[in-house]
Amino acid sequence: MTPVAATLERHQVALCLAAIAGGAAVGILAPATAPVVAPAITPVIALLLFATFLGVPFGTLGTALRDTRFAATVLAVNFLVVPLVVFALSRVVAAEEAVLVGVLLVLLTPCVDYVIVFAGLAGGARDKLLAATPLLMVVQILLLPLYLLLMAGPTIVGAFDLRPFVEAFLLLIALPLGAAVLVQLGARRVRVIARIQDAAITAMVPLMMLTLAVVVASQIADVAGRAGALLAVVPVYLAFTAVMVPLGIVAARVAGLAVPERRAVVFSGVTRNSLVVLPLALALPAGFALTPLVVVTQTLVELVAMVVLVAVVPRLVRHPSPSA
């Protein structure tokens, strides 16, 4: 790691909070910038994931894929524990269909993109999360309609188009991952490519800041305009985070995972697929116009929570002392 990258990582929490505040200020004071900034969300996240993937030693992925205990724990937390928690919490907003759908849509889908970034920043096993990404994506595509059917009813399931889901996976996961693999392979042979790799890894924290600023700036005005209707979902999202952190810690400890894997499980259980499922919410019929804003509200709450958890989770899930 370069000295610049080390300095940025040391101050990452303060820098990310500043980016969120800056994005909110721009979005509220100059709401006309939102439609200009919004198209940048996908490419910025793709660049962030590209930089993140460059820092993952792909030579270790074979070992990560063979870690069935980690994979089983992540799957159990996300598709057994989370649905039970979501069902209980979502009853608070069950009377409003558009709100309920947004809450279910975002909380039932585990994150497959920037969770790798945040878990890595907290000392989590991002290589194993990366290896688990295709599995998490496939399972949530298969189970989301079932969970929606059980928790919201059959009418909702028929309103979804899964194409945006697949497109988001290709743009946000497959393309950056493939590019990162090619760069890593080239870096072994060409010095210039190796320098590009170092520069991209150094840019990871600035790219995280840019992502946070762009998402917040593009969405904060719409959320603020419907604040009254969206206020009810904020406690639900906060409660979800508060409940899933200890449940993730317990599940990972029961599974006998090492500290980096435990931290990764916690972040996987807490972090949701808000940016990837947003196109799904936008594709719903006119009667669900509030649903995308419910999803965006979760993004805003989660971004702040993630910045906090980067500092908190390493204190909750510690390496044993040398004397232990």
C-alpha atoms as a PDB file:
ATOM      1  CA  MET A   1       0.000   0.000   0.000  1.00  0.00           C
ATOM      2  CA  THR A   2       1.344   3.444  -0.932  1.00  0.00           C
ATOM      3  CA  PRO A   3       1.784   6.166   1.738  1.00  0.00           C
ATOM      4  CA  VAL A   4      -1.052   8.165   0.150  1.00  0.00           C
ATOM      5  CA  ALA A   5      -3.386   5.159   0.237  1.00  0.00           C
ATOM      6  CA  ALA A   6      -2.462   4.471   3.868  1.00  0.00           C
ATOM      7  CA  THR A   7      -3.211   8.093   4.853  1.00  0.00           C
ATOM      8  CA  LEU A   8      -6.566   8.053   3.054  1.00  0.00           C
ATOM      9  CA  GLU A   9      -7.522   4.757   4.686  1.00  0.00           C
ATOM     10  CA  ARG A  10      -6.598   6.096   8.122  1.00  0.00           C
ATOM     11  CA  HIS A  11      -9.013   9.032   7.692  1.00  0.00           C
ATOM     12  CA  GLN A  12     -11.641   7.192   5.610  1.00  0.00           C
ATOM     13  CA  VAL A  13     -14.524   7.542   8.083  1.00  0.00           C
ATOM     14  CA  ALA A  14     -14.212  11.337   8.337  1.00  0.00           C
ATOM     15  CA  LEU A  15     -13.742  11.635   4.573  1.00  0.00           C
ATOM     16  CA  CYS A  16     -16.837   9.533   3.801  1.00  0.00           C
ATOM     17  CA  LEU A  17     -18.974  11.505   6.242  1.00  0.00           C
ATOM     18  CA  ALA A  18     -17.763  14.713   4.586  1.00  0.00           C
ATOM     19  CA  ALA A  19     -18.716  13.293   1.169  1.00  0.00           C
ATOM     20  CA  ILE A  20     -22.226  12.455   2.386  1.00  0.00           C
ATOM     21  CA  ALA A  21     -22.635  15.936   3.851  1.00  0.00           C
ATOM     22  CA  GLY A  22     -21.338  17.549   0.669  1.00  0.00           C
ATOM     23  CA  GLY A  23     -23.662  15.516  -1.542  1.00  0.00           C
ATOM     24  CA  ALA A  24     -26.630  16.400   0.659  1.00  0.00           C
ATOM     25  CA  ALA A  25     -25.755  20.098   0.521  1.00  0.00           C
ATOM     26  CA  VAL A  26     -25.518  20.082  -3.274  1.00  0.00           C
ATOM     27  CA  GLY A  27     -28.739  18.099  -3.694  1.00  0.00           C
ATOM     28  CA  ILE A  28     -30.744  20.329  -1.355  1.00  0.00           C
ATOM     29  CA  LEU A  29     -29.314  23.725  -2.334  1.00  0.00           C
ATOM     30  CA  ALA A  30     -29.209  22.989  -6.083  1.00  0.00           C
ATOM     31  CA  PRO A  31     -31.907  20.366  -6.793  1.00  0.00           C
ATOM     32  CA  ALA A  32     -31.626  21.019 -10.537  1.00  0.00           C
ATOM     33  CA  THR A  33     -28.315  19.136 -10.468  1.00  0.00           C
ATOM     34  CA  ALA A  34     -30.027  15.848  -9.528  1.00  0.00           C
ATOM     35  CA  PRO A  35     -30.996  14.736 -13.071  1.00  0.00           C
ATOM     36  CA  VAL A  36     -27.513  15.688 -14.259  1.00  0.00           C
ATOM     37  CA  VAL A  37     -25.757  13.725 -11.526  1.00  0.00           C
ATOM     38  CA  ALA A  38     -28.057  10.669 -11.433  1.00  0.00           C
ATOM     39  CA  PRO A  39     -26.728   9.013 -14.644  1.00  0.00           C
ATOM     40  CA  ALA A  40     -23.266   8.942 -13.045  1.00  0.00           C
ATOM     41  CA  ILE A  41     -24.347   6.529 -10.288  1.00  0.00           C
ATOM     42  CA  THR A  42     -23.788   3.311 -12.229  1.00  0.00           C
ATOM     43  CA  PRO A  43     -20.393   4.196 -13.783  1.00  0.00           C
ATOM     44  CA  VAL A  44     -19.099   5.571 -10.472  1.00  0.00           C
ATOM     45  CA  ILE A  45     -20.081   2.396  -8.621  1.00  0.00           C
ATOM     46  CA  ALA A  46     -18.531   0.334 -11.426  1.00  0.00           C
ATOM     47  CA  LEU A  47     -15.243   2.255 -11.042  1.00  0.00           C
ATOM     48  CA  LEU A  48     -15.347   1.798  -7.282  1.00  0.00           C
ATOM     49  CA  LEU A  49     -15.848  -1.942  -7.672  1.00  0.00           C
ATOM     50  CA  PHE A  50     -13.078  -2.087 -10.277  1.00  0.00           C
ATOM     51  CA  ALA A  51     -10.653  -0.489  -7.815  1.00  0.00           C
ATOM     52  CA  THR A  52     -11.858  -2.825  -5.082  1.00  0.00           C
ATOM     53  CA  PHE A  53     -11.455  -5.926  -7.222  1.00  0.00           C
ATOM     54  CA  LEU A  54      -7.942  -4.846  -8.179  1.00  0.00           C
ATOM     55  CA  GLY A  55      -6.991  -5.059  -4.511  1.00  0.00           C
ATOM     56  CA  VAL A  56      -8.267  -8.631  -4.182  1.00  0.00           C
ATOM     57  CA  PRO A  57      -5.650 -11.345  -4.771  1.00  0.00           C
ATOM     58  CA  PHE A  58      -7.512 -13.480  -7.276  1.00  0.00           C
ATOM     59  CA  GLY A  59      -5.061 -16.302  -6.701  1.00  0.00           C
ATOM     60  CA  THR A  60      -6.762 -16.867  -3.347  1.00  0.00           C
ATOM     61  CA  LEU A  61     -10.282 -17.132  -4.772  1.00  0.00           C
ATOM     62  CA  GLY A  62      -9.988 -20.877  -5.294  1.00  0.00           C
ATOM     63  CA  THR A  63      -9.439 -21.286  -1.578  1.00  0.00           C
ATOM     64  CA  ALA A  64     -12.274 -18.860  -0.822  1.00  0.00           C
ATOM     65  CA  LEU A  65     -14.689 -20.789  -3.032  1.00  0.00           C
ATOM     66  CA  ARG A  66     -13.810 -23.986  -1.217  1.00  0.00           C
ATOM     67  CA  ASP A  67     -14.639 -22.415   2.148  1.00  0.00           C
ATOM     68  CA  THR A  68     -18.077 -23.991   2.394  1.00  0.00           C
ATOM     69  CA  ARG A  69     -18.458 -22.996   6.058  1.00  0.00           C
ATOM     70  CA  PHE A  70     -18.196 -19.307   5.198  1.00  0.00           C
ATOM     71  CA  ALA A  71     -20.530 -19.652   2.199  1.00  0.00           C
ATOM     72  CA  ALA A  72     -23.090 -21.574   4.254  1.00  0.00           C
ATOM     73  CA  THR A  73     -22.983 -18.959   7.017  1.00  0.00           C
ATOM     74  CA  VAL A  74     -23.477 -16.068   4.593  1.00  0.00           C
ATOM     75  CA  LEU A  75     -26.375 -17.873   2.924  1.00  0.00           C
ATOM     76  CA  ALA A  76     -28.000 -18.766   6.241  1.00  0.00           C
ATOM     77  CA  VAL A  77     -27.736 -15.198   7.548  1.00  0.00           C
ATOM     78  CA  ASN A  78     -29.091 -13.621   4.362  1.00  0.00           C
ATOM     79  CA  PHE A  79     -31.805 -16.086   3.378  1.00  0.00           C
ATOM     80  CA  LEU A  80     -32.946 -17.594   6.683  1.00  0.00           C
ATOM     81  CA  VAL A  81     -32.273 -15.015   9.402  1.00  0.00           C
ATOM     82  CA  VAL A  82     -32.841 -11.833   7.384  1.00  0.00           C
ATOM     83  CA  PRO A  83     -36.301 -12.806   6.024  1.00  0.00           C
ATOM     84  CA  LEU A  84     -37.546 -13.489   9.565  1.00  0.00           C
ATOM     85  CA  VAL A  85     -36.248 -10.107  10.744  1.00  0.00           C
ATOM     86  CA  VAL A  86     -37.646  -8.325   7.685  1.00  0.00           C
ATOM     87  CA  PHE A  87     -41.077  -9.898   8.065  1.00  0.00           C
ATOM     88  CA  ALA A  88     -41.310  -8.756  11.683  1.00  0.00           C
ATOM     89  CA  LEU A  89     -40.071  -5.214  10.984  1.00  0.00           C
ATOM     90  CA  SER A  90     -42.116  -4.736   7.804  1.00  0.00           C
ATOM     91  CA  ARG A  91     -45.389  -5.198   9.678  1.00  0.00           C
ATOM     92  CA  VAL A  92     -44.936  -1.614  10.882  1.00  0.00           C
ATOM     93  CA  VAL A  93     -45.540  -0.337   7.322  1.00  0.00           C
ATOM     94  CA  ALA A  94     -47.762  -3.177   6.039  1.00  0.00           C
ATOM     95  CA  ALA A  95     -50.801  -0.907   5.682  1.00  0.00           C
ATOM     96  CA  GLU A  96     -49.210   1.102   2.834  1.00  0.00           C
ATOM     97  CA  GLU A  97     -48.556  -1.214  -0.114  1.00  0.00           C
ATOM     98  CA  ALA A  98     -46.055   0.967  -1.997  1.00  0.00           C
ATOM     99  CA  VAL A  99     -44.006   1.480   1.165  1.00  0.00           C
ATOM    100  CA  LEU A 100     -44.193  -2.191   2.108  1.00  0.00           C
ATOM    101  CA  VAL A 101     -42.967  -3.264  -1.333  1.00  0.00           C
ATOM    102  CA  GLY A 102     -40.017  -0.881  -1.147  1.00  0.00           C
ATOM    103  CA  VAL A 103     -39.023  -2.132   2.308  1.00  0.00           C
ATOM    104  CA  LEU A 104     -39.291  -5.777   1.265  1.00  0.00           C
ATOM    105  CA  LEU A 105     -37.560  -5.250  -2.050  1.00  0.00           C
ATOM    106  CA  VAL A 106     -34.493  -3.633  -0.534  1.00  0.00           C
ATOM    107  CA  LEU A 107     -34.157  -5.503   2.765  1.00  0.00           C
ATOM    108  CA  LEU A 108     -34.615  -8.995   1.314  1.00  0.00           C
ATOM    109  CA  THR A 109     -31.744  -8.612  -1.166  1.00  0.00           C
ATOM    110  CA  PRO A 110     -28.143  -8.829   0.134  1.00  0.00           C
ATOM    111  CA  CYS A 111     -25.654  -6.380  -1.320  1.00  0.00           C
ATOM    112  CA  VAL A 112     -23.221  -7.703  -3.923  1.00  0.00           C
ATOM    113  CA  ASP A 113     -21.233  -4.573  -4.705  1.00  0.00           C
ATOM    114  CA  TYR A 114     -20.035  -1.976  -2.195  1.00  0.00           C
ATOM    115  CA  VAL A 115     -20.396  -4.401   0.728  1.00  0.00           C
ATOM    116  CA  ILE A 116     -17.040  -5.731  -0.481  1.00  0.00           C
ATOM    117  CA  VAL A 117     -15.582  -2.250  -0.112  1.00  0.00           C
ATOM    118  CA  PHE A 118     -16.932  -1.594   3.369  1.00  0.00           C
ATOM    119  CA  ALA A 119     -16.083  -5.081   4.627  1.00  0.00           C
ATOM    120  CA  GLY A 120     -12.538  -4.647   3.326  1.00  0.00           C
ATOM    121  CA  LEU A 121     -12.193  -1.251   4.999  1.00  0.00           C
ATOM    122  CA  ALA A 122     -13.210  -2.882   8.303  1.00  0.00           C
ATOM    123  CA  GLY A 123     -10.698  -5.698   7.942  1.00  0.00           C
ATOM    124  CA  GLY A 124     -13.213  -8.221   6.661  1.00  0.00           C
ATOM    125  CA  ALA A 125     -12.496 -11.081   4.253  1.00  0.00           C
ATOM    126  CA  ARG A 126     -13.437  -9.280   1.057  1.00  0.00           C
ATOM    127  CA  ASP A 127     -11.916 -12.031  -1.112  1.00  0.00           C
ATOM    128  CA  LYS A 128     -14.416 -14.518   0.316  1.00  0.00           C
ATOM    129  CA  LEU A 129     -17.292 -12.069  -0.092  1.00  0.00           C
ATOM    130  CA  LEU A 130     -16.197 -11.587  -3.691  1.00  0.00           C
ATOM    131  CA  ALA A 131     -16.171 -15.347  -4.217  1.00  0.00           C
ATOM    132  CA  ALA A 132     -19.676 -15.568  -2.723  1.00  0.00           C
ATOM    133  CA  THR A 133     -21.075 -12.739  -4.904  1.00  0.00           C
ATOM    134  CA  PRO A 134     -22.381 -14.858  -7.835  1.00  0.00           C
ATOM    135  CA  LEU A 135     -24.022 -17.265  -5.385  1.00  0.00           C
ATOM    136  CA  LEU A 136     -25.690 -14.442  -3.445  1.00  0.00           C
ATOM    137  CA  MET A 137     -26.918 -12.870  -6.665  1.00  0.00           C
ATOM    138  CA  VAL A 138     -28.414 -16.066  -8.085  1.00  0.00           C
ATOM    139  CA  VAL A 139     -30.087 -17.100  -4.814  1.00  0.00           C
ATOM    140  CA  GLN A 140     -31.685 -13.699  -4.261  1.00  0.00           C
ATOM    141  CA  ILE A 141     -33.059 -13.645  -7.811  1.00  0.00           C
ATOM    142  CA  LEU A 142     -34.628 -17.058  -7.184  1.00  0.00           C
ATOM    143  CA  LEU A 143     -35.958 -16.348  -3.683  1.00  0.00           C
ATOM    144  CA  LEU A 144     -37.076 -12.713  -3.969  1.00  0.00           C
ATOM    145  CA  PRO A 145     -40.340 -13.551  -5.805  1.00  0.00           C
ATOM    146  CA  LEU A 146     -41.110 -16.239  -3.210  1.00  0.00           C
ATOM    147  CA  TYR A 147     -40.487 -13.910  -0.257  1.00  0.00           C
ATOM    148  CA  LEU A 148     -42.534 -11.153  -1.890  1.00  0.00           C
ATOM    149  CA  LEU A 149     -45.346 -13.627  -2.511  1.00  0.00           C
ATOM    150  CA  LEU A 150     -45.351 -14.690   1.130  1.00  0.00           C
ATOM    151  CA  MET A 151     -44.996 -11.208   2.633  1.00  0.00           C
ATOM    152  CA  ALA A 152     -46.812  -8.920   0.161  1.00  0.00           C
ATOM    153  CA  GLY A 153     -49.103 -11.118  -1.951  1.00  0.00           C
ATOM    154  CA  PRO A 154     -49.320 -12.441  -5.541  1.00  0.00           C
ATOM    155  CA  THR A 155     -50.231  -9.113  -7.173  1.00  0.00           C
ATOM    156  CA  ILE A 156     -46.791  -7.671  -6.459  1.00  0.00           C
ATOM    157  CA  VAL A 157     -44.847 -10.560  -7.970  1.00  0.00           C
ATOM    158  CA  GLY A 158     -46.541 -10.149 -11.332  1.00  0.00           C
ATOM    159  CA  ALA A 159     -45.513  -6.484 -11.524  1.00  0.00           C
ATOM    160  CA  PHE A 160     -41.754  -7.118 -11.599  1.00  0.00           C
ATOM    161  CA  ASP A 161     -39.360  -7.208 -14.540  1.00  0.00           C
ATOM    162  CA  LEU A 162     -36.092  -8.963 -13.666  1.00  0.00           C
ATOM    163  CA  ARG A 163     -34.158  -7.626 -16.655  1.00  0.00           C
ATOM    164  CA  PRO A 164     -32.877  -4.517 -14.798  1.00  0.00           C
ATOM    165  CA  PHE A 165     -31.638  -6.851 -12.066  1.00  0.00           C
ATOM    166  CA  VAL A 166     -29.562  -8.879 -14.532  1.00  0.00           C
ATOM    167  CA  GLU A 167     -28.320  -5.751 -16.320  1.00  0.00           C
ATOM    168  CA  ALA A 168     -27.178  -4.254 -13.021  1.00  0.00           C
ATOM    169  CA  PHE A 169     -25.266  -7.438 -12.217  1.00  0.00           C
ATOM    170  CA  LEU A 170     -23.481  -7.344 -15.571  1.00  0.00           C
ATOM    171  CA  LEU A 171     -22.575  -3.641 -15.311  1.00  0.00           C
ATOM    172  CA  LEU A 172     -21.728  -3.473 -11.611  1.00  0.00           C
ATOM    173  CA  ILE A 173     -20.159  -6.887 -11.031  1.00  0.00           C
ATOM    174  CA  ALA A 174     -19.217  -8.816 -14.172  1.00  0.00           C
ATOM    175  CA  LEU A 175     -17.657  -5.935 -16.141  1.00  0.00           C
ATOM    176  CA  PRO A 176     -15.506  -4.441 -13.318  1.00  0.00           C
ATOM    177  CA  LEU A 177     -14.506  -7.916 -12.166  1.00  0.00           C
ATOM    178  CA  GLY A 178     -13.441  -9.008 -15.646  1.00  0.00           C
ATOM    179  CA  ALA A 179     -11.491  -5.781 -16.186  1.00  0.00           C
ATOM    180  CA  ALA A 180      -9.732  -6.187 -12.833  1.00  0.00           C
ATOM    181  CA  VAL A 181      -8.696  -9.757 -13.676  1.00  0.00           C
ATOM    182  CA  LEU A 182      -7.251  -8.621 -17.003  1.00  0.00           C
ATOM    183  CA  VAL A 183      -5.332  -5.776 -15.358  1.00  0.00           C
ATOM    184  CA  GLN A 184      -3.911  -8.102 -12.694  1.00  0.00           C
ATOM    185  CA  LEU A 185      -2.779 -10.547 -15.349  1.00  0.00           C
ATOM    186  CA  GLY A 186      -1.210  -7.731 -17.391  1.00  0.00           C
ATOM    187  CA  ALA A 187       0.483  -6.229 -14.325  1.00  0.00           C
ATOM    188  CA  ARG A 188       2.662  -9.317 -14.057  1.00  0.00           C
ATOM    189  CA  ARG A 189       4.150  -8.607 -17.466  1.00  0.00           C
ATOM    190  CA  VAL A 190       3.866  -4.858 -18.122  1.00  0.00           C
ATOM    191  CA  ARG A 191       5.195  -2.271 -15.650  1.00  0.00           C
ATOM    192  CA  VAL A 192       2.808   0.468 -16.841  1.00  0.00           C
ATOM    193  CA  ILE A 193      -0.197  -1.730 -16.088  1.00  0.00           C
ATOM    194  CA  ALA A 194       1.229  -2.433 -12.641  1.00  0.00           C
ATOM    195  CA  ARG A 195       1.362   1.316 -12.006  1.00  0.00           C
ATOM    196  CA  ILE A 196      -2.240   1.658 -13.167  1.00  0.00           C
ATOM    197  CA  GLN A 197      -3.187  -1.057 -10.682  1.00  0.00           C
ATOM    198  CA  ASP A 198      -1.415   0.770  -7.837  1.00  0.00           C
ATOM    199  CA  ALA A 199      -3.079   4.066  -8.791  1.00  0.00           C
ATOM    200  CA  ALA A 200      -6.539   2.478  -8.891  1.00  0.00           C
ATOM    201  CA  ILE A 201      -6.077   0.897  -5.457  1.00  0.00           C
ATOM    202  CA  THR A 202      -4.895   4.258  -4.083  1.00  0.00           C
ATOM    203  CA  ALA A 203      -8.030   5.862  -5.551  1.00  0.00           C
ATOM    204  CA  MET A 204     -10.405   3.502  -3.725  1.00  0.00           C
ATOM    205  CA  VAL A 205     -11.235   5.849  -0.838  1.00  0.00           C
ATOM    206  CA  PRO A 206     -11.683   8.884  -3.156  1.00  0.00           C
ATOM    207  CA  LEU A 207     -13.938   6.747  -5.358  1.00  0.00           C
ATOM    208  CA  MET A 208     -15.977   5.746  -2.316  1.00  0.00           C
ATOM    209  CA  MET A 209     -16.329   9.428  -1.437  1.00  0.00           C
ATOM    210  CA  LEU A 210     -17.419  10.221  -5.006  1.00  0.00           C
ATOM    211  CA  THR A 211     -19.975   7.386  -4.959  1.00  0.00           C
ATOM    212  CA  LEU A 212     -21.476   8.571  -1.689  1.00  0.00           C
ATOM    213  CA  ALA A 213     -21.630  12.181  -2.892  1.00  0.00           C
ATOM    214  CA  VAL A 214     -23.213  11.287  -6.251  1.00  0.00           C
ATOM    215  CA  VAL A 215     -25.902   9.004  -4.791  1.00  0.00           C
ATOM    216  CA  VAL A 216     -26.868  11.469  -2.072  1.00  0.00           C
ATOM    217  CA  ALA A 217     -26.786  14.546  -4.340  1.00  0.00           C
ATOM    218  CA  SER A 218     -28.961  12.871  -6.970  1.00  0.00           C
ATOM    219  CA  GLN A 219     -31.644  11.586  -4.605  1.00  0.00           C
ATOM    220  CA  ILE A 220     -31.795  13.775  -1.495  1.00  0.00           C
ATOM    221  CA  ALA A 221     -34.165  16.395  -2.949  1.00  0.00           C
ATOM    222  CA  ASP A 222     -36.818  13.832  -3.922  1.00  0.00           C
ATOM    223  CA  VAL A 223     -36.525  12.139  -0.545  1.00  0.00           C
ATOM    224  CA  ALA A 224     -36.796  15.480   1.278  1.00  0.00           C
ATOM    225  CA  GLY A 225     -39.875  16.365  -0.772  1.00  0.00           C
ATOM    226  CA  ARG A 226     -41.679  13.244   0.439  1.00  0.00           C
ATOM    227  CA  ALA A 227     -40.138  13.235   3.918  1.00  0.00           C
ATOM    228  CA  GLY A 228     -43.477  12.934   5.676  1.00  0.00           C
ATOM    229  CA  ALA A 229     -44.461   9.764   3.819  1.00  0.00           C
ATOM    230  CA  LEU A 230     -40.964   8.276   4.131  1.00  0.00           C
ATOM    231  CA  LEU A 231     -40.429   9.028   7.795  1.00  0.00           C
ATOM    232  CA  ALA A 232     -41.988   5.732   8.895  1.00  0.00           C
ATOM    233  CA  VAL A 233     -39.359   3.617   7.117  1.00  0.00           C
ATOM    234  CA  VAL A 234     -36.321   5.225   8.778  1.00  0.00           C
ATOM    235  CA  PRO A 235     -36.860   3.471  12.156  1.00  0.00           C
ATOM    236  CA  VAL A 236     -37.388   0.202  10.259  1.00  0.00           C
ATOM    237  CA  TYR A 237     -34.026   0.560   8.502  1.00  0.00           C
ATOM    238  CA  LEU A 238     -32.230   1.600  11.678  1.00  0.00           C
ATOM    239  CA  ALA A 239     -33.769  -1.308  13.577  1.00  0.00           C
ATOM    240  CA  PHE A 240     -32.713  -3.692  10.811  1.00  0.00           C
ATOM    241  CA  THR A 241     -29.088  -2.594  11.156  1.00  0.00           C
ATOM    242  CA  ALA A 242     -29.221  -2.695  14.950  1.00  0.00           C
ATOM    243  CA  VAL A 243     -30.653  -6.224  14.944  1.00  0.00           C
ATOM    244  CA  MET A 244     -28.525  -7.734  12.169  1.00  0.00           C
ATOM    245  CA  VAL A 245     -25.154  -6.674  13.569  1.00  0.00           C
ATOM    246  CA  PRO A 246     -25.402  -8.855  16.708  1.00  0.00           C
ATOM    247  CA  LEU A 247     -27.178 -11.652  14.818  1.00  0.00           C
ATOM    248  CA  GLY A 248     -24.387 -11.694  12.238  1.00  0.00           C
ATOM    249  CA  ILE A 249     -21.751 -11.767  14.976  1.00  0.00           C
ATOM    250  CA  VAL A 250     -23.480 -14.668  16.742  1.00  0.00           C
ATOM    251  CA  ALA A 251     -24.006 -16.653  13.530  1.00  0.00           C
ATOM    252  CA  ALA A 252     -20.370 -16.246  12.476  1.00  0.00           C
ATOM    253  CA  ARG A 253     -19.128 -17.170  15.952  1.00  0.00           C
ATOM    254  CA  VAL A 254     -21.329 -20.286  16.086  1.00  0.00           C
ATOM    255  CA  ALA A 255     -19.949 -21.275  12.673  1.00  0.00           C
ATOM    256  CA  GLY A 256     -16.423 -21.035  14.097  1.00  0.00           C
ATOM    257  CA  LEU A 257     -15.197 -18.507  11.529  1.00  0.00           C
ATOM    258  CA  ALA A 258     -11.998 -16.492  11.873  1.00  0.00           C
ATOM    259  CA  VAL A 259     -12.163 -12.772  12.675  1.00  0.00           C
ATOM    260  CA  PRO A 260     -11.956 -11.464   9.058  1.00  0.00           C
ATOM    261  CA  GLU A 261     -14.706 -13.882   7.997  1.00  0.00           C
ATOM    262  CA  ARG A 262     -16.870 -12.887  10.980  1.00  0.00           C
ATOM    263  CA  ARG A 263     -16.618  -9.231  10.017  1.00  0.00           C
ATOM    264  CA  ALA A 264     -17.493 -10.080   6.420  1.00  0.00           C
ATOM    265  CA  VAL A 265     -20.593 -12.006   7.554  1.00  0.00           C
ATOM    266  CA  VAL A 266     -21.742  -9.040   9.655  1.00  0.00           C
ATOM    267  CA  PHE A 267     -21.422  -6.632   6.724  1.00  0.00           C
ATOM    268  CA  SER A 268     -23.133  -9.075   4.342  1.00  0.00           C
ATOM    269  CA  GLY A 269     -26.068  -9.444   6.724  1.00  0.00           C
ATOM    270  CA  VAL A 270     -26.473  -5.693   7.234  1.00  0.00           C
ATOM    271  CA  THR A 271     -25.733  -4.265   3.775  1.00  0.00           C
ATOM    272  CA  ARG A 272     -28.559  -4.403   1.263  1.00  0.00           C
ATOM    273  CA  ASN A 273     -28.771  -4.318  -2.527  1.00  0.00           C
ATOM    274  CA  SER A 274     -30.391  -0.876  -2.718  1.00  0.00           C
ATOM    275  CA  LEU A 275     -28.517   0.526  -5.705  1.00  0.00           C
ATOM    276  CA  VAL A 276     -28.928  -2.650  -7.746  1.00  0.00           C
ATOM    277  CA  VAL A 277     -32.646  -3.108  -7.002  1.00  0.00           C
ATOM    278  CA  LEU A 278     -33.508   0.551  -7.582  1.00  0.00           C
ATOM    279  CA  PRO A 279     -34.131  -0.113 -11.319  1.00  0.00           C
ATOM    280  CA  LEU A 280     -36.622  -2.799 -10.276  1.00  0.00           C
ATOM    281  CA  ALA A 281     -38.496  -0.292  -8.121  1.00  0.00           C
ATOM    282  CA  LEU A 282     -38.502   2.255 -10.945  1.00  0.00           C
ATOM    283  CA  ALA A 283     -40.001  -0.340 -13.296  1.00  0.00           C
ATOM    284  CA  LEU A 284     -43.088  -0.858 -11.111  1.00  0.00           C
ATOM    285  CA  PRO A 285     -46.522   0.507 -12.179  1.00  0.00           C
ATOM    286  CA  ALA A 286     -47.595   4.088 -11.439  1.00  0.00           C
ATOM    287  CA  GLY A 287     -49.391   3.051  -8.265  1.00  0.00           C
ATOM    288  CA  PHE A 288     -45.992   2.304  -6.731  1.00  0.00           C
ATOM    289  CA  ALA A 289     -44.459   5.724  -7.390  1.00  0.00           C
ATOM    290  CA  LEU A 290     -43.350   5.984  -3.759  1.00  0.00           C
ATOM    291  CA  THR A 291     -41.512   2.632  -3.832  1.00  0.00           C
ATOM    292  CA  PRO A 292     -38.269   3.897  -5.467  1.00  0.00           C
ATOM    293  CA  LEU A 293     -38.000   6.662  -2.849  1.00  0.00           C
ATOM    294  CA  VAL A 294     -38.431   4.054  -0.110  1.00  0.00           C
ATOM    295  CA  VAL A 295     -35.479   2.203  -1.629  1.00  0.00           C
ATOM    296  CA  VAL A 296     -33.417   5.395  -1.907  1.00  0.00           C
ATOM    297  CA  THR A 297     -34.178   6.257   1.710  1.00  0.00           C
ATOM    298  CA  GLN A 298     -32.646   2.929   2.705  1.00  0.00           C
ATOM    299  CA  THR A 299     -29.564   3.839   0.664  1.00  0.00           C
ATOM    300  CA  LEU A 300     -29.150   7.111   2.540  1.00  0.00           C
ATOM    301  CA  VAL A 301     -29.654   5.488   5.946  1.00  0.00           C
ATOM    302  CA  GLU A 302     -27.353   2.603   5.061  1.00  0.00           C
ATOM    303  CA  LEU A 303     -24.514   4.770   3.731  1.00  0.00           C
ATOM    304  CA  VAL A 304     -24.288   6.591   7.040  1.00  0.00           C
ATOM    305  CA  ALA A 305     -24.611   3.303   8.945  1.00  0.00           C
ATOM    306  CA  MET A 306     -21.843   1.694   6.874  1.00  0.00           C
ATOM    307  CA  VAL A 307     -19.432   4.522   7.574  1.00  0.00           C
ATOM    308  CA  VAL A 308     -20.138   4.093  11.290  1.00  0.00           C
ATOM    309  CA  LEU A 309     -19.840   0.298  11.143  1.00  0.00           C
ATOM    310  CA  VAL A 310     -16.428   0.513   9.468  1.00  0.00           C
ATOM    311  CA  ALA A 311     -15.224   1.965  12.768  1.00  0.00           C
ATOM    312  CA  VAL A 312     -17.474  -0.048  15.106  1.00  0.00           C
ATOM    313  CA  VAL A 313     -17.345  -3.617  13.761  1.00  0.00           C
ATOM    314  CA  PRO A 314     -13.558  -4.034  14.265  1.00  0.00           C
ATOM    315  CA  ARG A 315     -14.150  -3.152  17.922  1.00  0.00           C
ATOM    316  CA  LEU A 316     -17.012  -5.616  18.265  1.00  0.00           C
ATOM    317  CA  VAL A 317     -15.213  -8.420  16.396  1.00  0.00           C
ATOM    318  CA  ARG A 318     -11.619  -8.271  17.589  1.00  0.00           C
ATOM    319  CA  HIS A 319      -8.572 -10.363  16.981  1.00  0.00           C
ATOM    320  CA  PRO A 320      -7.570 -12.301  20.095  1.00  0.00           C
ATOM    321  CA  SER A 321      -4.843 -10.652  22.158  1.00  0.00           C
ATOM    322  CA  PRO A 322      -1.344 -12.163  21.859  1.00  0.00           C
ATOM    323  CA  SER A 323      -1.593 -13.417  25.445  1.00  0.00           C
ATOM    324  CA  ALA A 324      -4.887 -15.235  24.780  1.00  0.00           C
END
